[in-house]
N, C-alpha and C. Protein backbone atom coordinates (compact mmCIF):
# COMPACT_ATOMS: atom_id res chain seq x y z
N MET A 1 -183.03 -76.24 -95.63
CA MET A 1 -184.46 -76.95 -95.85
C MET A 1 -185.25 -75.26 -96.31
N GLU A 2 -185.14 -73.92 -95.67
CA GLU A 2 -186.04 -73.25 -96.22
C GLU A 2 -185.78 -72.69 -97.30
N TYR A 3 -184.64 -73.70 -98.14
CA TYR A 3 -184.76 -72.63 -99.53
C TYR A 3 -185.30 -74.04 -100.02
N PHE A 4 -185.46 -74.91 -99.51
CA PHE A 4 -186.46 -76.06 -100.72
C PHE A 4 -187.81 -75.77 -100.70
N LEU A 5 -188.06 -75.52 -99.57
CA LEU A 5 -190.09 -74.86 -99.34
C LEU A 5 -189.91 -73.84 -100.19
N ILE A 6 -188.96 -72.53 -99.73
CA ILE A 6 -188.89 -71.70 -100.72
C ILE A 6 -189.38 -71.91 -102.73
N ILE A 7 -188.66 -72.62 -102.94
CA ILE A 7 -188.57 -73.20 -104.01
C ILE A 7 -190.10 -73.96 -104.32
N ILE A 8 -190.70 -75.23 -104.07
CA ILE A 8 -191.94 -75.72 -103.57
C ILE A 8 -192.75 -74.70 -103.86
N SER A 9 -192.55 -74.24 -102.93
CA SER A 9 -193.81 -72.88 -102.56
C SER A 9 -194.28 -72.26 -103.85
N ALA A 10 -193.04 -71.40 -104.34
CA ALA A 10 -192.81 -70.79 -105.29
C ALA A 10 -193.71 -70.97 -106.59
N ILE A 11 -192.74 -72.29 -107.43
CA ILE A 11 -193.30 -72.81 -108.63
C ILE A 11 -194.62 -73.88 -107.95
N PHE A 12 -194.73 -74.87 -107.29
CA PHE A 12 -195.85 -75.47 -107.24
C PHE A 12 -197.08 -74.70 -106.69
N VAL A 13 -197.11 -74.37 -105.56
CA VAL A 13 -197.98 -74.09 -104.68
C VAL A 13 -198.43 -72.98 -104.62
N ASN A 14 -197.90 -71.67 -104.99
CA ASN A 14 -198.44 -70.17 -105.24
C ASN A 14 -197.73 -69.91 -106.03
N ASN A 15 -197.90 -70.34 -107.71
CA ASN A 15 -197.73 -70.78 -108.73
C ASN A 15 -198.45 -68.75 -108.84
N ILE A 16 -197.21 -68.28 -109.27
CA ILE A 16 -197.84 -66.78 -109.65
C ILE A 16 -198.42 -66.30 -110.42
N LEU A 17 -198.99 -67.21 -111.77
CA LEU A 17 -199.70 -67.40 -113.03
C LEU A 17 -201.40 -67.72 -112.37
N LEU A 18 -201.30 -69.40 -112.32
CA LEU A 18 -201.97 -70.18 -111.63
C LEU A 18 -202.94 -69.96 -109.83
N ALA A 19 -201.93 -69.39 -109.22
CA ALA A 19 -202.83 -69.15 -108.02
C ALA A 19 -202.99 -68.16 -107.61
N GLN A 20 -201.57 -66.72 -107.90
CA GLN A 20 -202.10 -65.58 -107.56
C GLN A 20 -202.75 -65.09 -109.14
N PHE A 21 -202.50 -65.32 -109.93
CA PHE A 21 -203.31 -64.43 -111.35
C PHE A 21 -202.27 -63.12 -111.67
N LEU A 22 -201.16 -63.17 -111.32
CA LEU A 22 -200.49 -61.90 -112.13
C LEU A 22 -199.65 -62.55 -113.66
N GLY A 23 -199.60 -61.26 -114.21
CA GLY A 23 -198.89 -61.48 -115.42
C GLY A 23 -199.72 -62.49 -116.14
N ILE A 24 -201.08 -62.43 -116.38
CA ILE A 24 -201.92 -62.63 -117.28
C ILE A 24 -201.77 -62.83 -118.50
N CYS A 25 -201.57 -61.08 -118.64
CA CYS A 25 -202.23 -60.59 -120.17
C CYS A 25 -200.86 -61.13 -120.78
N PRO A 26 -199.72 -61.19 -120.34
CA PRO A 26 -198.88 -61.45 -121.71
C PRO A 26 -198.76 -63.09 -121.65
N PHE A 27 -199.44 -63.59 -120.45
CA PHE A 27 -199.55 -65.53 -120.15
C PHE A 27 -200.68 -65.30 -121.63
N LEU A 28 -201.46 -64.68 -122.00
CA LEU A 28 -202.77 -65.14 -122.55
C LEU A 28 -201.64 -65.09 -124.40
N GLY A 29 -201.23 -63.61 -124.20
CA GLY A 29 -201.25 -62.88 -125.21
C GLY A 29 -199.86 -63.58 -126.19
N VAL A 30 -198.61 -64.00 -125.43
CA VAL A 30 -197.72 -64.64 -126.18
C VAL A 30 -197.47 -65.78 -126.18
N SER A 31 -198.91 -67.02 -125.67
CA SER A 31 -198.47 -68.24 -125.65
C SER A 31 -199.23 -69.32 -126.43
N ASN A 32 -199.19 -68.47 -128.05
CA ASN A 32 -199.51 -68.96 -129.28
C ASN A 32 -198.83 -69.87 -129.66
N ARG A 33 -197.53 -70.16 -129.26
CA ARG A 33 -196.47 -70.81 -130.37
C ARG A 33 -195.34 -71.13 -128.65
N LEU A 34 -194.81 -72.56 -128.88
CA LEU A 34 -193.89 -72.83 -127.93
C LEU A 34 -193.08 -72.08 -127.76
N SER A 35 -191.91 -71.52 -128.82
CA SER A 35 -191.27 -70.62 -129.57
C SER A 35 -191.10 -69.02 -128.58
N THR A 36 -192.16 -69.04 -128.46
CA THR A 36 -192.39 -67.34 -127.85
C THR A 36 -192.12 -67.44 -126.79
N ALA A 37 -193.19 -68.38 -126.17
CA ALA A 37 -193.48 -68.83 -124.65
C ALA A 37 -192.82 -69.08 -124.43
N THR A 38 -190.82 -69.62 -124.36
CA THR A 38 -190.14 -70.29 -124.27
C THR A 38 -189.22 -68.75 -123.77
N GLY A 39 -188.83 -68.09 -125.12
CA GLY A 39 -188.38 -66.74 -125.13
C GLY A 39 -188.64 -65.67 -123.87
N MET A 40 -190.08 -65.21 -123.60
CA MET A 40 -190.89 -65.08 -123.06
C MET A 40 -190.61 -65.52 -121.58
N SER A 41 -190.28 -66.37 -121.46
CA SER A 41 -190.00 -67.16 -119.99
C SER A 41 -188.75 -67.16 -119.59
N GLY A 42 -187.93 -66.93 -120.55
CA GLY A 42 -186.16 -66.99 -119.88
C GLY A 42 -185.83 -64.89 -120.13
N ALA A 43 -187.37 -64.90 -120.55
CA ALA A 43 -187.20 -62.97 -120.25
C ALA A 43 -187.45 -62.63 -118.86
N VAL A 44 -188.34 -63.26 -118.26
CA VAL A 44 -189.60 -63.18 -117.16
C VAL A 44 -188.28 -63.25 -115.86
N CYS A 45 -188.19 -64.55 -116.52
CA CYS A 45 -186.73 -64.80 -115.23
C CYS A 45 -185.69 -64.42 -115.02
N PHE A 46 -185.41 -63.60 -115.99
CA PHE A 46 -184.08 -62.67 -115.66
C PHE A 46 -184.47 -61.30 -115.05
N VAL A 47 -185.75 -60.73 -115.65
CA VAL A 47 -185.56 -59.40 -115.24
C VAL A 47 -186.85 -59.84 -113.65
N ILE A 48 -187.60 -60.93 -113.33
CA ILE A 48 -187.74 -60.61 -112.27
C ILE A 48 -186.65 -60.75 -110.80
N THR A 49 -185.88 -62.40 -111.21
CA THR A 49 -184.38 -61.89 -110.51
C THR A 49 -183.64 -60.26 -110.56
N LEU A 50 -183.46 -60.49 -111.61
CA LEU A 50 -182.20 -59.11 -111.53
C LEU A 50 -183.20 -57.50 -110.64
N ALA A 51 -184.48 -57.55 -110.99
CA ALA A 51 -185.35 -57.09 -110.28
C ALA A 51 -185.72 -56.38 -108.66
N THR A 52 -186.25 -57.82 -108.40
CA THR A 52 -186.27 -58.61 -107.01
C THR A 52 -184.79 -57.76 -106.01
N VAL A 53 -183.59 -58.11 -106.81
CA VAL A 53 -182.34 -57.59 -105.67
C VAL A 53 -182.45 -56.42 -106.16
N VAL A 54 -182.37 -55.61 -107.06
CA VAL A 54 -182.50 -54.21 -106.63
C VAL A 54 -183.79 -53.56 -106.08
N THR A 55 -185.08 -53.93 -105.75
CA THR A 55 -185.76 -53.13 -105.01
C THR A 55 -186.13 -53.93 -103.88
N TYR A 56 -185.35 -54.80 -103.65
CA TYR A 56 -185.33 -55.09 -102.31
C TYR A 56 -183.96 -54.39 -101.81
N LEU A 57 -183.00 -53.63 -102.18
CA LEU A 57 -182.02 -52.93 -101.55
C LEU A 57 -182.51 -51.58 -101.48
N VAL A 58 -182.68 -51.58 -102.82
CA VAL A 58 -183.38 -49.76 -102.39
C VAL A 58 -184.76 -50.07 -101.42
N ASN A 59 -185.15 -51.08 -101.21
CA ASN A 59 -186.29 -50.76 -100.39
C ASN A 59 -185.59 -51.18 -98.35
N ARG A 60 -184.47 -51.59 -98.77
CA ARG A 60 -184.07 -51.89 -97.56
C ARG A 60 -183.08 -50.26 -96.94
N TYR A 61 -182.24 -49.89 -97.97
CA TYR A 61 -181.24 -49.09 -98.05
C TYR A 61 -181.65 -47.52 -97.87
N LEU A 62 -182.52 -47.57 -98.98
CA LEU A 62 -183.27 -46.05 -99.02
C LEU A 62 -184.69 -45.90 -98.58
N LEU A 63 -185.38 -46.47 -98.88
CA LEU A 63 -186.65 -46.22 -98.55
C LEU A 63 -187.40 -46.14 -96.92
N VAL A 64 -186.87 -47.80 -96.15
CA VAL A 64 -187.02 -47.67 -94.67
C VAL A 64 -186.51 -47.18 -93.76
N PRO A 65 -184.67 -46.89 -94.23
CA PRO A 65 -183.96 -45.70 -93.00
C PRO A 65 -184.83 -44.28 -93.20
N PHE A 66 -185.51 -44.06 -94.33
CA PHE A 66 -185.69 -42.25 -94.16
C PHE A 66 -187.38 -42.54 -94.23
N GLY A 67 -188.11 -43.79 -93.84
CA GLY A 67 -189.18 -43.64 -93.49
C GLY A 67 -189.97 -43.38 -95.16
N LEU A 68 -189.83 -44.00 -96.16
CA LEU A 68 -190.16 -43.32 -97.61
C LEU A 68 -190.88 -44.33 -97.89
N GLU A 69 -191.51 -45.42 -96.79
CA GLU A 69 -192.31 -46.90 -97.67
C GLU A 69 -193.23 -46.47 -98.09
N PHE A 70 -194.04 -45.40 -98.37
CA PHE A 70 -195.52 -44.68 -98.67
C PHE A 70 -195.26 -44.96 -100.38
N LEU A 71 -193.85 -44.54 -100.68
CA LEU A 71 -193.04 -44.11 -101.79
C LEU A 71 -193.24 -46.00 -102.45
N GLN A 72 -193.27 -46.63 -101.92
CA GLN A 72 -192.52 -48.07 -102.83
C GLN A 72 -192.93 -48.65 -103.65
N THR A 73 -193.95 -48.54 -104.06
CA THR A 73 -195.06 -48.60 -105.31
C THR A 73 -194.29 -47.94 -106.33
N ILE A 74 -193.86 -46.78 -106.38
CA ILE A 74 -193.67 -45.62 -107.15
C ILE A 74 -192.00 -46.24 -107.81
N ALA A 75 -191.53 -46.16 -106.48
CA ALA A 75 -190.33 -46.56 -106.81
C ALA A 75 -189.70 -47.79 -107.34
N PHE A 76 -190.85 -48.81 -107.21
CA PHE A 76 -190.56 -49.90 -107.86
C PHE A 76 -190.86 -50.32 -109.24
N ILE A 77 -191.70 -49.82 -109.88
CA ILE A 77 -192.32 -49.15 -111.24
C ILE A 77 -191.30 -48.71 -111.48
N LEU A 78 -190.68 -46.99 -110.96
CA LEU A 78 -189.47 -46.83 -111.78
C LEU A 78 -188.37 -47.93 -112.08
N VAL A 79 -187.61 -48.27 -110.56
CA VAL A 79 -186.67 -49.28 -110.88
C VAL A 79 -187.20 -50.39 -111.78
N ILE A 80 -187.92 -50.77 -112.04
CA ILE A 80 -188.27 -52.29 -112.76
C ILE A 80 -188.28 -51.52 -114.24
N ALA A 81 -188.99 -50.35 -114.76
CA ALA A 81 -188.90 -49.57 -115.94
C ALA A 81 -187.22 -48.79 -116.47
N SER A 82 -186.87 -48.63 -115.43
CA SER A 82 -185.06 -48.77 -115.78
C SER A 82 -184.36 -50.13 -116.07
N LEU A 83 -184.63 -50.57 -115.52
CA LEU A 83 -183.90 -51.90 -115.30
C LEU A 83 -183.74 -52.47 -116.87
N VAL A 84 -185.32 -52.70 -117.28
CA VAL A 84 -185.85 -53.40 -118.36
C VAL A 84 -185.24 -52.49 -119.18
N GLN A 85 -185.05 -51.46 -119.40
CA GLN A 85 -184.32 -50.34 -120.72
C GLN A 85 -182.60 -50.74 -120.65
N ILE A 86 -182.16 -50.80 -119.27
CA ILE A 86 -180.84 -50.90 -119.46
C ILE A 86 -180.02 -52.61 -119.54
N VAL A 87 -181.36 -53.11 -119.06
CA VAL A 87 -180.95 -54.48 -120.30
C VAL A 87 -181.42 -54.44 -121.36
N GLU A 88 -181.96 -53.62 -122.01
CA GLU A 88 -181.84 -53.79 -123.08
C GLU A 88 -180.91 -53.16 -124.02
N ILE A 89 -180.25 -51.88 -123.59
CA ILE A 89 -179.44 -51.18 -124.58
C ILE A 89 -178.37 -52.31 -124.20
N VAL A 90 -177.78 -52.88 -122.82
CA VAL A 90 -176.72 -53.59 -122.56
C VAL A 90 -176.56 -54.95 -123.20
N LEU A 91 -177.74 -55.75 -123.53
CA LEU A 91 -178.14 -56.85 -124.96
C LEU A 91 -177.70 -56.32 -125.70
N LYS A 92 -178.56 -55.27 -126.35
CA LYS A 92 -177.99 -54.45 -127.74
C LYS A 92 -176.70 -54.40 -128.44
N LYS A 93 -175.92 -53.96 -127.32
CA LYS A 93 -174.30 -53.83 -127.66
C LYS A 93 -173.54 -55.09 -127.34
N ILE A 94 -173.72 -55.43 -126.61
CA ILE A 94 -172.68 -57.07 -125.87
C ILE A 94 -173.66 -58.29 -126.73
N SER A 95 -174.61 -58.78 -126.87
CA SER A 95 -175.33 -59.79 -127.36
C SER A 95 -176.34 -59.78 -128.33
N PRO A 96 -176.00 -59.11 -129.49
CA PRO A 96 -176.88 -58.53 -130.39
C PRO A 96 -177.93 -59.66 -131.08
N SER A 97 -177.06 -60.79 -131.09
CA SER A 97 -178.29 -62.18 -131.14
C SER A 97 -179.12 -62.30 -130.38
N LEU A 98 -178.80 -62.00 -128.91
CA LEU A 98 -179.62 -63.12 -127.46
C LEU A 98 -180.75 -61.08 -127.84
N TYR A 99 -180.47 -60.53 -128.30
CA TYR A 99 -181.43 -58.82 -128.13
C TYR A 99 -182.25 -59.48 -129.40
N GLN A 100 -181.94 -59.65 -130.31
CA GLN A 100 -182.98 -60.15 -131.35
C GLN A 100 -183.94 -61.61 -130.84
N ALA A 101 -183.57 -62.24 -129.95
CA ALA A 101 -184.56 -63.59 -129.93
C ALA A 101 -185.08 -62.94 -128.38
N LEU A 102 -184.42 -62.22 -127.61
CA LEU A 102 -186.06 -61.44 -127.02
C LEU A 102 -186.31 -60.21 -126.99
N GLY A 103 -185.52 -59.12 -127.73
CA GLY A 103 -185.95 -57.99 -127.72
C GLY A 103 -187.52 -57.56 -128.17
N ILE A 104 -188.64 -58.31 -128.56
CA ILE A 104 -189.82 -57.86 -128.54
C ILE A 104 -190.52 -57.92 -127.40
N PHE A 105 -189.65 -59.39 -126.20
CA PHE A 105 -190.19 -59.28 -124.84
C PHE A 105 -189.86 -58.76 -123.87
N LEU A 106 -188.81 -58.10 -123.95
CA LEU A 106 -188.52 -56.87 -122.97
C LEU A 106 -189.28 -56.02 -122.83
N PRO A 107 -189.56 -55.27 -123.75
CA PRO A 107 -190.48 -53.72 -123.13
C PRO A 107 -191.81 -54.42 -122.71
N LEU A 108 -192.44 -55.79 -123.38
CA LEU A 108 -193.80 -56.65 -122.51
C LEU A 108 -193.12 -56.79 -121.15
N ILE A 109 -192.25 -57.05 -120.81
CA ILE A 109 -192.05 -57.10 -119.21
C ILE A 109 -192.21 -55.96 -118.62
N THR A 110 -192.12 -55.01 -118.99
CA THR A 110 -192.04 -53.55 -118.22
C THR A 110 -193.87 -53.80 -117.51
N THR A 111 -194.41 -54.33 -118.22
CA THR A 111 -195.70 -53.97 -118.06
C THR A 111 -196.57 -54.94 -117.14
N ASN A 112 -195.03 -55.81 -117.26
CA ASN A 112 -195.95 -56.93 -116.61
C ASN A 112 -196.25 -56.82 -115.43
N CYS A 113 -197.37 -56.99 -114.88
CA CYS A 113 -197.70 -57.31 -112.89
C CYS A 113 -196.85 -58.10 -112.12
N ALA A 114 -196.47 -59.11 -112.93
CA ALA A 114 -195.84 -59.93 -111.85
C ALA A 114 -194.63 -59.49 -111.71
N VAL A 115 -193.66 -59.18 -112.17
CA VAL A 115 -192.22 -58.06 -111.56
C VAL A 115 -192.88 -57.62 -110.63
N LEU A 116 -193.70 -56.80 -110.78
CA LEU A 116 -194.03 -55.78 -109.29
C LEU A 116 -194.55 -56.47 -108.65
N GLY A 117 -195.25 -57.31 -108.68
CA GLY A 117 -195.62 -58.31 -107.53
C GLY A 117 -194.69 -59.03 -106.66
N VAL A 118 -194.35 -59.70 -107.28
CA VAL A 118 -192.93 -60.21 -106.77
C VAL A 118 -191.76 -59.57 -105.63
N ALA A 119 -191.66 -57.82 -106.49
CA ALA A 119 -190.50 -57.00 -105.40
C ALA A 119 -191.82 -57.06 -104.66
N ILE A 120 -193.00 -57.07 -104.61
CA ILE A 120 -193.49 -56.31 -103.38
C ILE A 120 -193.58 -57.20 -102.42
N THR A 121 -193.78 -58.54 -103.28
CA THR A 121 -194.31 -59.41 -101.76
C THR A 121 -193.10 -59.87 -101.09
N VAL A 122 -191.93 -59.19 -101.92
CA VAL A 122 -190.84 -60.02 -101.28
C VAL A 122 -190.49 -58.87 -99.96
N VAL A 123 -191.06 -57.74 -100.24
CA VAL A 123 -190.34 -56.87 -98.99
C VAL A 123 -191.60 -56.65 -97.88
N SER A 124 -192.52 -56.84 -98.44
CA SER A 124 -193.91 -57.05 -97.37
C SER A 124 -194.69 -57.95 -96.81
N LYS A 125 -194.35 -59.00 -97.24
CA LYS A 125 -195.28 -60.67 -96.97
C LYS A 125 -194.27 -60.77 -95.95
N GLU A 126 -194.71 -61.50 -94.58
CA GLU A 126 -193.88 -62.76 -93.87
C GLU A 126 -194.09 -63.66 -93.78
N PHE A 127 -193.07 -65.05 -94.78
CA PHE A 127 -192.88 -66.22 -94.93
C PHE A 127 -193.11 -66.79 -93.32
N THR A 128 -193.59 -68.26 -93.42
CA THR A 128 -193.39 -69.23 -92.63
C THR A 128 -192.97 -70.17 -92.40
N PHE A 129 -191.83 -70.14 -92.23
CA PHE A 129 -191.27 -71.66 -92.38
C PHE A 129 -190.90 -71.99 -90.80
N GLY A 130 -191.53 -73.42 -90.58
CA GLY A 130 -191.05 -74.04 -89.23
C GLY A 130 -192.24 -74.04 -87.98
N GLY A 131 -193.17 -73.01 -88.56
CA GLY A 131 -194.00 -72.27 -87.27
C GLY A 131 -193.46 -71.07 -87.55
N ALA A 132 -192.58 -70.35 -87.50
CA ALA A 132 -192.10 -69.01 -87.11
C ALA A 132 -191.82 -68.34 -88.72
N ALA A 133 -192.66 -66.83 -88.48
CA ALA A 133 -193.19 -66.25 -90.02
C ALA A 133 -191.61 -64.74 -89.70
N HIS A 134 -191.33 -64.94 -90.82
CA HIS A 134 -190.65 -63.83 -90.71
C HIS A 134 -189.82 -63.30 -91.70
N MET A 135 -189.37 -62.50 -92.07
CA MET A 135 -189.49 -60.81 -93.78
C MET A 135 -188.07 -62.31 -94.24
N LEU A 136 -187.71 -62.24 -95.78
CA LEU A 136 -187.11 -62.92 -96.45
C LEU A 136 -185.20 -61.91 -96.26
N ASN A 137 -184.52 -62.55 -96.15
CA ASN A 137 -183.07 -61.79 -96.19
C ASN A 137 -183.01 -61.70 -97.72
N LEU A 138 -181.75 -61.14 -98.10
CA LEU A 138 -181.55 -60.59 -99.82
C LEU A 138 -181.34 -62.37 -99.92
N GLY A 139 -180.77 -63.48 -99.62
CA GLY A 139 -180.52 -64.92 -100.17
C GLY A 139 -181.98 -65.43 -100.64
N GLU A 140 -182.74 -65.47 -99.60
CA GLU A 140 -184.47 -65.82 -99.98
C GLU A 140 -185.03 -65.45 -100.03
N ALA A 141 -184.51 -63.98 -100.43
CA ALA A 141 -185.00 -63.17 -101.62
C ALA A 141 -185.60 -63.36 -103.33
N VAL A 142 -183.72 -63.70 -103.37
CA VAL A 142 -183.19 -64.25 -104.30
C VAL A 142 -183.64 -65.38 -105.00
N VAL A 143 -183.75 -66.75 -104.04
CA VAL A 143 -184.39 -67.49 -104.47
C VAL A 143 -185.81 -67.99 -104.22
N TYR A 144 -186.78 -67.23 -103.62
CA TYR A 144 -187.99 -67.07 -104.20
C TYR A 144 -187.98 -66.89 -105.28
N ALA A 145 -187.58 -65.72 -105.94
CA ALA A 145 -188.06 -64.81 -106.81
C ALA A 145 -187.56 -65.53 -108.32
N PHE A 146 -186.15 -66.28 -108.11
CA PHE A 146 -186.08 -67.24 -109.34
C PHE A 146 -186.45 -68.46 -109.31
N ALA A 147 -187.38 -68.93 -108.08
CA ALA A 147 -188.54 -69.99 -108.23
C ALA A 147 -189.83 -69.60 -108.36
N THR A 148 -189.98 -68.28 -108.31
CA THR A 148 -191.45 -67.46 -109.12
C THR A 148 -191.49 -67.29 -110.58
N SER A 149 -190.31 -67.20 -111.07
CA SER A 149 -190.11 -66.74 -112.62
C SER A 149 -190.04 -67.85 -113.15
N LEU A 150 -189.22 -69.11 -112.99
CA LEU A 150 -189.33 -70.47 -113.07
C LEU A 150 -191.08 -70.92 -113.27
N GLY A 151 -191.53 -70.64 -111.97
CA GLY A 151 -192.85 -71.25 -112.21
C GLY A 151 -193.59 -70.76 -113.02
N TYR A 152 -193.12 -69.60 -113.50
CA TYR A 152 -194.12 -68.20 -114.37
C TYR A 152 -194.21 -68.75 -115.98
N GLY A 153 -192.33 -69.78 -115.73
CA GLY A 153 -192.20 -69.86 -116.94
C GLY A 153 -192.43 -71.22 -116.99
N LEU A 154 -192.42 -72.09 -116.21
CA LEU A 154 -193.41 -73.32 -116.50
C LEU A 154 -195.02 -73.39 -117.02
N ALA A 155 -195.63 -72.84 -116.41
CA ALA A 155 -197.05 -72.32 -117.03
C ALA A 155 -197.40 -72.28 -118.45
N MET A 156 -196.40 -71.25 -118.13
CA MET A 156 -196.25 -70.62 -119.36
C MET A 156 -196.03 -71.45 -120.35
N VAL A 157 -194.88 -72.08 -120.57
CA VAL A 157 -194.26 -73.41 -121.68
C VAL A 157 -195.59 -74.50 -121.51
N LEU A 158 -196.27 -75.00 -120.15
CA LEU A 158 -196.97 -75.82 -120.54
C LEU A 158 -197.80 -75.47 -121.37
N PHE A 159 -198.71 -73.84 -121.52
CA PHE A 159 -199.55 -73.39 -121.65
C PHE A 159 -199.58 -73.56 -123.13
N ALA A 160 -198.41 -73.07 -123.77
CA ALA A 160 -198.18 -72.66 -125.01
C ALA A 160 -198.48 -74.20 -125.59
N GLY A 161 -197.64 -75.66 -125.00
CA GLY A 161 -197.89 -76.52 -125.73
C GLY A 161 -199.13 -77.53 -125.73
N LEU A 162 -200.09 -76.89 -124.71
CA LEU A 162 -201.13 -77.48 -124.89
C LEU A 162 -202.17 -76.62 -125.91
N ARG A 163 -201.53 -75.02 -125.98
CA ARG A 163 -202.63 -74.29 -127.01
C ARG A 163 -201.84 -74.79 -128.43
N GLU A 164 -200.62 -75.01 -128.78
CA GLU A 164 -200.58 -75.19 -130.11
C GLU A 164 -201.25 -76.72 -130.46
N HIS A 165 -200.72 -78.01 -129.48
CA HIS A 165 -201.93 -79.33 -129.29
C HIS A 165 -203.39 -78.81 -129.85
N LEU A 166 -203.93 -78.00 -129.05
CA LEU A 166 -205.31 -77.48 -129.26
C LEU A 166 -205.60 -76.82 -130.93
N ALA A 167 -204.75 -76.05 -131.10
CA ALA A 167 -204.95 -75.45 -132.40
C ALA A 167 -204.79 -76.60 -133.61
N SER A 168 -204.16 -77.82 -132.93
CA SER A 168 -204.65 -78.78 -134.76
C SER A 168 -206.02 -79.55 -133.90
N ASN A 169 -206.44 -79.53 -133.20
CA ASN A 169 -207.32 -80.93 -132.88
C ASN A 169 -208.83 -79.63 -133.41
N ASN A 170 -210.05 -80.40 -133.51
CA ASN A 170 -211.01 -80.45 -133.74
C ASN A 170 -212.11 -79.32 -132.90
N VAL A 171 -212.22 -78.61 -132.01
CA VAL A 171 -212.55 -77.23 -131.33
C VAL A 171 -213.91 -76.94 -132.27
N PRO A 172 -214.66 -76.97 -131.22
CA PRO A 172 -216.10 -76.35 -131.41
C PRO A 172 -216.13 -75.11 -131.48
N LYS A 173 -216.68 -74.72 -132.34
CA LYS A 173 -216.58 -73.26 -133.44
C LYS A 173 -216.22 -71.94 -132.27
N MET A 174 -217.51 -72.28 -130.81
CA MET A 174 -217.90 -71.19 -130.13
C MET A 174 -216.66 -71.22 -129.01
N PHE A 175 -215.94 -72.43 -129.04
CA PHE A 175 -215.08 -72.22 -128.17
C PHE A 175 -213.39 -72.16 -128.64
N ARG A 176 -213.31 -71.74 -130.26
CA ARG A 176 -211.90 -72.04 -131.26
C ARG A 176 -211.60 -70.55 -129.85
N GLY A 177 -210.05 -70.20 -129.98
CA GLY A 177 -209.37 -68.93 -129.46
C GLY A 177 -209.29 -68.89 -128.40
N LEU A 178 -209.63 -67.94 -127.57
CA LEU A 178 -209.93 -67.37 -126.24
C LEU A 178 -210.40 -68.04 -124.94
N PRO A 179 -212.10 -68.67 -125.37
CA PRO A 179 -212.32 -69.49 -124.87
C PRO A 179 -212.26 -70.48 -124.34
N ILE A 180 -211.41 -71.38 -124.91
CA ILE A 180 -210.80 -72.50 -125.02
C ILE A 180 -209.40 -72.43 -123.75
N ALA A 181 -208.79 -71.44 -124.65
CA ALA A 181 -208.03 -71.44 -123.68
C ALA A 181 -207.82 -70.62 -122.53
N LEU A 182 -208.98 -70.08 -121.97
CA LEU A 182 -209.51 -69.95 -120.52
C LEU A 182 -209.71 -71.03 -120.17
N ILE A 183 -210.34 -72.24 -120.97
CA ILE A 183 -211.17 -73.14 -119.96
C ILE A 183 -209.80 -74.41 -119.81
N THR A 184 -208.63 -73.99 -120.60
CA THR A 184 -207.35 -74.71 -120.24
C THR A 184 -206.25 -74.21 -118.93
N VAL A 185 -206.94 -72.78 -118.85
CA VAL A 185 -205.93 -72.25 -117.96
C VAL A 185 -206.33 -72.67 -116.55
N SER A 186 -207.88 -72.62 -116.55
CA SER A 186 -208.68 -73.08 -115.23
C SER A 186 -208.48 -74.30 -114.76
N ILE A 187 -208.18 -75.30 -115.93
CA ILE A 187 -208.20 -76.69 -115.37
C ILE A 187 -206.57 -77.40 -114.82
N MET A 188 -205.89 -76.52 -115.79
CA MET A 188 -204.10 -76.05 -115.06
C MET A 188 -204.31 -75.41 -113.79
N ALA A 189 -205.16 -74.58 -113.74
CA ALA A 189 -204.95 -74.08 -112.04
C ALA A 189 -205.37 -74.60 -110.72
N MET A 190 -206.21 -75.74 -111.63
CA MET A 190 -207.11 -76.81 -110.71
C MET A 190 -205.78 -77.76 -110.82
N ALA A 191 -205.13 -78.77 -111.44
CA ALA A 191 -204.20 -79.73 -111.37
C ALA A 191 -203.09 -78.78 -110.72
N PHE A 192 -202.73 -77.49 -110.83
CA PHE A 192 -201.94 -77.15 -109.44
C PHE A 192 -202.10 -77.05 -107.79
N LEU A 193 -203.13 -76.70 -108.36
CA LEU A 193 -204.30 -76.83 -106.34
C LEU A 193 -203.73 -78.20 -105.93
N GLY A 194 -203.38 -79.08 -106.52
CA GLY A 194 -203.66 -80.47 -106.23
C GLY A 194 -202.30 -80.64 -105.18
N PHE A 195 -200.98 -79.79 -105.76
CA PHE A 195 -199.51 -79.33 -104.71
C PHE A 195 -199.98 -78.65 -103.78
N SER A 196 -200.75 -77.80 -103.59
CA SER A 196 -201.19 -76.94 -102.06
C SER A 196 -200.98 -77.41 -100.65
N GLY A 197 -201.28 -78.77 -100.83
CA GLY A 197 -200.86 -79.62 -99.53
C GLY A 197 -199.33 -80.47 -99.13
N MET A 198 -198.49 -79.97 -100.46
CA MET A 198 -197.28 -79.95 -100.15
C MET A 198 -196.06 -79.40 -99.06
N VAL A 199 -196.65 -77.77 -98.74
CA VAL A 199 -195.46 -77.34 -97.84
C VAL A 199 -196.59 -76.51 -97.17
């Protein structure tokens, strides 16, 4: 039951884009077309999940035992940047077609604050289930990270579809481009706010 609550909460109730406002820059920048939004969503899903596993282990077995929690943010940034570079090198060697598809998105993920935000949230925030607060174990952390990245992808794909639809409509001149995009995002955020009573 806890895993189900984590998934529903991460995707709908506490959506990283629409409720926590993390990762907005790539969200607005890459969501002009549905194909690029889908590619970015897949890359973010993979990197957030992988980065959360590695940063969780680094925090638990390296930083906490040696009393180096104050280096958490710097260590996590280094881990995320290294992981993105390693993933890029491995994809280039193993699957050039996938590398071509995600090539432009992988470097963008290094600067996506959503990846760092999820990693820090997993190791520092107490989650409440059934009235009791506790820190996430590794299994719950992986589920939370994957569900959060799915929520990111859902919001991005929905937004890209809406932006493609808006591009073919007659939008008043002063609202074209970023203004109508921000209005659309705010309406989406209010719509997702309706899920807040579920968990």
